[in-house]
Protein backbone atom coordinates (compact mmCIF):
# COMPACT_ATOMS: atom_id res chain seq x y z
CA MET A 1 -9.61 24.51 3.93
CA LYS A 2 -8.14 21.50 2.16
CA ILE A 3 -6.49 21.97 -1.20
CA GLN A 4 -8.78 21.07 -4.09
CA LEU A 5 -8.13 19.02 -7.19
CA THR A 6 -8.15 21.32 -10.22
CA HIS A 7 -8.05 18.59 -12.87
CA THR A 8 -11.32 17.91 -14.63
CA PHE A 9 -13.31 14.82 -15.52
CA GLU A 10 -12.62 15.56 -19.19
CA GLU A 11 -8.86 15.37 -18.57
CA ILE A 12 -9.16 11.95 -16.95
CA ILE A 13 -11.32 10.40 -19.67
CA SER A 14 -9.68 12.15 -22.64
CA LEU A 15 -8.43 9.95 -25.48
CA GLU A 16 -4.95 11.37 -24.89
CA ASN A 17 -4.95 10.29 -21.25
CA LEU A 18 -6.43 6.88 -22.06
CA LEU A 19 -3.69 6.26 -24.64
CA LYS A 20 -0.96 7.35 -22.22
CA ALA A 21 -2.52 5.12 -19.57
CA TRP A 22 -2.44 2.19 -21.99
CA LYS A 23 1.30 2.64 -22.59
CA GLU A 24 1.88 2.52 -18.83
CA PHE A 25 -0.52 -0.36 -18.24
CA VAL A 26 0.82 -2.63 -20.97
CA ARG A 27 4.43 -2.67 -19.72
CA GLY A 28 5.35 -6.21 -18.75
CA LYS A 29 1.93 -7.53 -19.77
CA ARG A 30 2.23 -7.95 -23.54
CA ASN A 31 2.39 -11.74 -23.23
CA LYS A 32 -0.92 -11.91 -21.33
CA LYS A 33 -3.71 -13.32 -23.46
CA ASP A 34 -6.40 -10.89 -22.28
CA VAL A 35 -4.09 -7.94 -22.93
CA GLN A 36 -3.23 -9.24 -26.41
CA ILE A 37 -6.89 -9.63 -27.29
CA PHE A 38 -7.67 -6.08 -26.14
CA GLN A 39 -4.66 -4.69 -28.02
CA MET A 40 -5.69 -6.32 -31.32
CA ARG A 41 -8.52 -3.77 -31.49
CA LEU A 42 -7.00 -1.16 -29.21
CA MET A 43 -8.41 1.99 -30.79
CA ASP A 44 -11.83 0.42 -31.28
CA ASN A 45 -11.89 -0.59 -27.62
CA ILE A 46 -10.78 2.85 -26.41
CA LEU A 47 -13.23 4.60 -28.73
CA ALA A 48 -16.00 2.40 -27.34
CA LEU A 49 -15.00 3.11 -23.73
CA HIS A 50 -14.79 6.89 -24.17
CA PRO A 51 -18.48 7.62 -24.94
CA ASP A 52 -19.56 5.35 -22.09
CA LEU A 53 -17.55 7.58 -19.77
CA VAL A 54 -18.76 10.81 -21.38
CA ASN A 55 -22.41 9.74 -21.14
CA HIS A 56 -22.10 8.18 -17.66
CA THR A 57 -23.21 4.81 -19.03
CA TYR A 58 -19.93 3.15 -18.04
CA LYS A 59 -20.30 0.16 -15.72
CA HIS A 60 -17.29 -1.51 -14.13
CA GLY A 61 -17.00 -5.19 -14.99
CA GLY A 62 -16.49 -8.14 -12.70
CA TYR A 63 -13.34 -9.62 -11.23
CA GLN A 64 -11.34 -12.81 -11.66
CA ALA A 65 -10.38 -14.17 -8.24
CA PHE A 66 -7.25 -16.14 -7.40
CA LYS A 67 -5.00 -16.71 -4.39
CA ILE A 68 -1.33 -15.99 -3.74
CA ASN A 69 0.99 -16.59 -0.79
CA ASP A 70 3.14 -13.50 -0.25
CA PRO A 71 3.96 -14.39 2.49
CA LYS A 72 0.53 -15.20 3.89
CA PRO A 73 -2.47 -16.31 1.81
CA ARG A 74 -4.12 -13.39 0.05
CA ASP A 75 -7.17 -13.14 -2.18
CA ILE A 76 -6.41 -11.21 -5.36
CA HIS A 77 -9.16 -9.91 -7.63
CA LYS A 78 -8.20 -8.93 -11.17
CA ALA A 79 -10.46 -6.65 -13.19
CA MET A 80 -10.98 -6.87 -16.95
CA VAL A 81 -8.43 -5.12 -19.16
CA ARG A 82 -10.92 -2.38 -20.07
CA ASP A 83 -11.38 -1.49 -16.42
CA ARG A 84 -7.69 -1.78 -15.55
CA LEU A 85 -6.91 0.66 -18.35
CA LEU A 86 -9.34 3.11 -16.78
CA HIS A 87 -7.74 2.56 -13.37
CA HIS A 88 -4.42 3.70 -14.85
CA ALA A 89 -6.06 6.72 -16.46
CA ILE A 90 -7.51 7.73 -13.09
CA TYR A 91 -4.32 7.01 -11.19
CA ARG A 92 -2.00 9.00 -13.43
CA ILE A 93 -4.10 12.15 -12.84
CA LEU A 94 -5.02 11.72 -9.16
CA TYR A 95 -1.80 10.29 -7.71
CA PRO A 96 0.37 13.42 -8.19
CA PHE A 97 -2.30 15.51 -6.48
CA PHE A 98 -2.89 13.27 -3.47
CA GLU A 99 0.82 12.59 -3.06
CA LYS A 100 1.19 16.20 -1.89
CA THR A 101 -1.32 15.61 0.91
CA PHE A 102 0.42 12.59 2.46
CA ILE A 103 2.89 12.73 5.35
CA ALA A 104 6.54 11.98 4.62
CA ASP A 105 6.58 8.85 6.76
CA SER A 106 3.95 6.73 5.02
CA PHE A 107 5.88 4.44 2.69
CA SER A 108 3.49 2.00 0.99
CA CYS A 109 2.48 2.31 -2.67
CA ARG A 110 4.27 5.62 -3.22
CA LEU A 111 6.93 6.62 -5.70
CA ASP A 112 10.45 6.83 -4.28
CA LYS A 113 9.34 5.14 -1.05
CA GLY A 114 9.00 1.39 -0.40
CA THR A 115 10.13 -1.13 2.20
CA HIS A 116 13.86 -0.39 2.10
CA LYS A 117 13.40 3.32 2.73
CA SER A 118 10.87 2.51 5.44
CA ILE A 119 13.37 0.24 7.20
CA ASN A 120 16.11 2.88 6.91
CA ARG A 121 13.75 5.43 8.44
CA PHE A 122 13.01 2.94 11.21
CA CYS A 123 16.73 2.76 12.01
CA LYS A 124 17.10 6.53 11.94
CA PHE A 125 14.22 7.04 14.37
CA SER A 126 15.53 4.34 16.68
CA ARG A 127 18.92 6.07 16.84
CA ILE A 128 17.31 9.44 17.55
CA VAL A 129 14.94 8.20 20.27
CA GLY A 130 17.56 5.89 21.77
CA LYS A 131 20.17 8.66 21.75
CA ASN A 132 22.53 6.39 19.80
CA ASN A 133 21.77 3.46 22.07
CA THR A 134 22.40 5.32 25.32
CA ARG A 135 18.71 5.32 26.35
CA THR A 136 15.89 2.82 26.15
CA CYS A 137 13.94 3.11 22.91
CA TRP A 138 10.35 1.86 23.26
CA ILE A 139 8.37 0.97 20.15
CA LEU A 140 4.63 0.49 19.76
CA LYS A 141 3.88 -1.76 16.80
CA CYS A 142 0.34 -2.29 15.50
CA ASP A 143 -1.43 -4.01 12.65
CA ILE A 144 -4.95 -3.43 11.35
CA ARG A 145 -7.21 -6.46 11.13
CA LYS A 146 -8.22 -7.44 7.56
CA PHE A 147 -7.28 -4.02 6.26
CA PHE A 148 -8.30 -4.07 2.58
CA ALA A 149 -11.40 -6.16 3.30
CA ASN A 150 -12.78 -3.58 5.75
CA ILE A 151 -12.25 -0.29 3.89
CA ASP A 152 -15.69 1.35 4.10
CA HIS A 153 -16.89 2.68 0.75
CA ALA A 154 -18.99 5.53 2.13
CA VAL A 155 -16.16 6.75 4.36
CA LEU A 156 -13.65 6.55 1.50
CA LEU A 157 -15.89 8.43 -0.91
CA GLU A 158 -16.50 11.12 1.71
CA PHE A 159 -12.73 11.57 2.11
CA LEU A 160 -12.37 11.86 -1.67
CA ARG A 161 -15.21 14.38 -1.77
CA GLU A 162 -13.28 16.64 0.62
CA TYR A 163 -10.59 17.12 -2.04
CA ILE A 164 -12.49 16.72 -5.31
CA PRO A 165 -15.14 19.31 -6.27
CA ASP A 166 -15.88 17.79 -9.70
CA LYS A 167 -19.07 15.72 -9.39
CA ASP A 168 -18.32 13.79 -12.58
CA ILE A 169 -15.00 12.60 -11.18
CA LEU A 170 -16.75 11.57 -7.98
CA TRP A 171 -19.28 9.60 -10.02
CA LEU A 172 -16.46 7.77 -11.78
CA LEU A 173 -14.60 7.03 -8.54
CA GLY A 174 -17.86 5.77 -7.07
CA GLU A 175 -18.21 3.32 -9.97
CA VAL A 176 -14.72 1.97 -9.29
CA VAL A 177 -15.01 1.85 -5.50
CA ASN A 178 -18.45 0.23 -5.53
CA SER A 179 -17.47 -2.34 -8.15
CA PHE A 180 -16.20 -4.66 -5.43
CA ASN A 181 -17.41 -5.85 -2.05
CA THR A 182 -15.70 -8.19 0.37
CA LYS A 183 -17.50 -11.52 0.56
CA GLY A 184 -20.20 -11.33 3.21
CA LYS A 185 -20.13 -7.54 3.34
CA THR A 186 -21.99 -4.77 1.60
CA ASP A 187 -20.28 -1.49 0.73
CA ALA A 188 -16.90 -2.48 2.16
CA GLY A 189 -13.62 -3.78 0.82
CA LEU A 190 -11.13 -2.90 -1.91
CA PRO A 191 -9.63 -5.45 -4.34
CA LEU A 192 -5.90 -6.02 -3.91
CA GLY A 193 -5.48 -6.25 -7.69
CA ASN A 194 -6.57 -2.69 -8.55
CA LEU A 195 -4.00 0.06 -9.07
CA THR A 196 -6.58 2.52 -7.77
CA SER A 197 -6.79 0.56 -4.49
CA GLN A 198 -3.17 1.49 -3.77
CA LEU A 199 -4.06 5.16 -3.96
CA PHE A 200 -7.40 4.84 -2.17
CA VAL A 201 -5.94 3.12 0.91
CA ASN A 202 -3.41 5.93 1.32
CA VAL A 203 -6.17 8.54 1.04
CA TYR A 204 -8.13 6.54 3.61
CA MET A 205 -5.23 6.14 6.04
CA ASN A 206 -4.04 9.72 5.61
CA LYS A 207 -6.77 10.63 8.10
CA PHE A 208 -5.15 8.34 10.60
CA ASP A 209 -1.65 9.60 9.80
CA GLN A 210 -2.76 13.17 10.49
CA PHE A 211 -4.40 12.08 13.74
CA VAL A 212 -1.22 10.37 14.95
CA LYS A 213 0.98 13.32 14.04
CA HIS A 214 -1.25 16.17 15.21
CA LYS A 215 -3.47 14.72 17.96
CA LEU A 216 -1.18 12.13 19.50
CA LYS A 217 1.81 14.39 18.82
CA ALA A 218 3.85 11.38 17.70
CA ARG A 219 6.98 12.81 16.18
CA TYR A 220 8.53 9.46 15.34
CA TYR A 221 5.90 7.47 13.46
CA ILE A 222 6.11 5.23 10.38
CA ARG A 223 3.32 3.53 8.47
CA TYR A 224 3.55 0.95 5.71
CA ALA A 225 0.03 -0.02 4.54
CA ASP A 226 -1.65 -1.39 7.69
CA ASP A 227 1.55 -1.84 9.72
CA PHE A 228 2.70 1.11 11.80
CA VAL A 229 5.16 1.90 14.57
CA ILE A 230 5.58 4.76 17.03
CA PHE A 231 8.88 5.38 18.84
CA SER A 232 9.19 6.98 22.27
CA GLU A 233 11.39 7.17 25.35
CA SER A 234 8.21 6.66 27.42
CA LYS A 235 6.48 3.30 27.60
CA ASP A 236 3.54 4.95 29.40
CA TYR A 237 3.01 7.39 26.55
CA LEU A 238 2.81 4.51 24.07
CA ALA A 239 0.46 2.52 26.32
CA ASN A 240 -1.83 5.55 26.54
CA CYS A 241 -1.84 5.82 22.74
CA ILE A 242 -3.33 2.37 22.20
CA PRO A 243 -6.93 3.06 23.33
CA LYS A 244 -6.91 6.41 21.51
CA ILE A 245 -5.72 4.74 18.31
CA SER A 246 -8.30 1.98 18.65
CA GLU A 247 -11.12 4.47 19.22
CA PHE A 248 -10.13 6.62 16.24
CA LEU A 249 -9.85 3.66 13.89
CA GLN A 250 -13.26 2.28 14.90
CA LYS A 251 -15.10 5.60 15.04
CA GLU A 252 -13.62 7.40 12.04
CA LEU A 253 -12.46 4.61 9.73
CA LYS A 254 -14.52 1.58 10.81
CA LEU A 255 -11.33 -0.42 11.25
CA LYS A 256 -9.99 -2.49 14.14
CA LEU A 257 -6.54 -3.23 15.46
CA HIS A 258 -5.49 -6.85 15.15
CA PRO A 259 -5.70 -8.03 18.80
CA ASP A 260 -2.71 -10.39 18.42
CA LYS A 261 -0.46 -7.88 16.69
CA VAL A 262 -0.31 -4.95 19.10
CA PHE A 263 2.68 -4.78 21.39
CA ILE A 264 5.18 -2.46 23.02
CA LYS A 265 8.80 -3.64 22.99
CA THR A 266 12.24 -2.23 23.52
CA LEU A 267 14.46 -2.02 20.48
CA ALA A 268 17.07 -4.01 22.40
CA SER A 269 14.71 -7.01 22.47
CA GLY A 270 14.30 -6.92 18.68
CA VAL A 271 11.34 -5.48 16.77
CA ASP A 272 9.89 -7.28 13.75
CA PHE A 273 8.90 -4.80 11.05
CA LEU A 274 8.48 -5.40 7.31
CA GLY A 275 10.33 -8.69 7.24
CA TRP A 276 13.34 -7.55 9.28
CA ILE A 277 14.03 -7.84 12.99
CA SER A 278 15.77 -4.66 14.07
CA PHE A 279 18.11 -4.25 17.04
CA PRO A 280 20.05 -1.17 18.20
CA ASP A 281 23.15 -1.93 16.13
CA HIS A 282 21.99 -4.37 13.46
CA ARG A 283 19.04 -6.05 11.77
CA VAL A 284 18.47 -9.58 10.60
CA LEU A 285 16.02 -11.16 8.21
CA ARG A 286 12.88 -12.68 9.72
CA THR A 287 13.08 -16.50 9.66
CA THR A 288 9.90 -16.92 7.62
CA THR A 289 11.11 -14.30 5.12
CA LYS A 290 14.41 -16.15 4.76
CA ARG A 291 12.69 -19.49 4.18
CA ARG A 292 10.38 -18.01 1.57
CA MET A 293 13.29 -16.36 -0.22
CA LEU A 294 15.37 -19.56 -0.34
CA LYS A 295 12.39 -21.52 -1.64
CA ARG A 296 11.84 -19.02 -4.44
CA ILE A 297 15.51 -19.04 -5.40
CA LYS A 298 15.52 -22.83 -5.46
CA ASN A 299 12.49 -22.83 -7.76
CA ASN A 300 13.90 -20.06 -9.96
CA PRO A 301 17.71 -19.87 -9.69
CA ALA A 302 18.10 -17.39 -12.57
CA ARG A 303 20.82 -14.76 -12.15
CA GLU A 304 18.32 -11.88 -12.07
CA THR A 305 16.46 -13.59 -9.22
CA LEU A 306 19.67 -14.02 -7.25
CA ASP A 307 20.73 -10.42 -7.89
CA SER A 308 17.33 -9.14 -6.75
CA TYR A 309 17.51 -10.96 -3.42
CA LEU A 310 21.19 -10.18 -2.90
CA GLY A 311 20.32 -6.51 -3.35
CA MET A 312 17.62 -6.82 -0.70
CA LEU A 313 19.99 -8.60 1.69
CA GLY A 314 22.45 -5.73 1.35
CA HIS A 315 20.13 -3.72 3.61
CA GLY A 316 20.87 -5.87 6.68
CA ASN A 317 23.44 -7.97 8.49
CA THR A 318 23.30 -10.96 6.19
CA GLU A 319 26.85 -11.72 5.08
CA LYS A 320 26.64 -15.46 5.82
CA LEU A 321 23.29 -15.74 4.07
CA ARG A 322 24.58 -13.89 1.00
CA ILE A 323 27.58 -16.24 0.76
CA HIS A 324 25.20 -19.16 1.21
CA ILE A 325 23.11 -17.95 -1.75
CA GLU A 326 26.09 -17.09 -3.96
CA ASN A 327 27.39 -20.63 -3.50
CA LYS A 328 23.85 -21.98 -4.09
CA ASN A 329 23.93 -23.99 -0.91
CA PHE A 330 20.22 -24.65 -0.59
């Protein structure tokens, strides 16, 4: 039997938790006009939100849509401050619980994880499977097509129900999940702008992680959001995994592999993962990542920007590029 959440609905919606959530939410946002307006009557706003939650009359508001390029075009949907405050209140209670259910090798949207640790894990697995570059290391790399846009609400809520016995919490999560639908779809899609979406996608994909580890018996597996890799000495094993993965995703999660982003390669030929192209004894920055970085530095050459990117470049073989940036030759 799965472990069960012992926290209550009352803990999530308590004034104490809402105030703590506000302190976390407001960091770095105090200059935002909508945040300033909400903060001018902070206690009034929180005291108005609380009875709506208690009485189950709360309704999630709409979203402001805008686009970003990071690195590819993405549609971001930002909720109203009132709703984003609630997202933080939910997250700060649920995240510590669900974190214990996730495998060690999922790295997206988790504390003390991230891209750098994912890339380091990638290198460690490649050394193990390749016996320190004395054997061929094969890598299956896959990507899920339109990941956030195709998260099925009913499937997600069923997964949450497996861990959460409190019906009031499930009602609240249903209000958040069902507050957004991908254009052209009903009951599918999560907004990229919600903090809760970061948690929900990991709950959703944890089913897949467990399948890969326990059914496919993949010992060397890494997932970052919708990108994942499996390492093996056997190309045939990896080829046999593909139809099983595809079937599980479609049947259990209503997701599909991106047909143009599934391949099996040797590490020696270079494998592109999370912005880096990894080889047996080194890794280099992906060309598009490098171009995007140089463009951002040119547009914002502040010292903190340079230091941030130089820190990132320290994770690969980028000495010439670092000198290039230090000398501002762009």
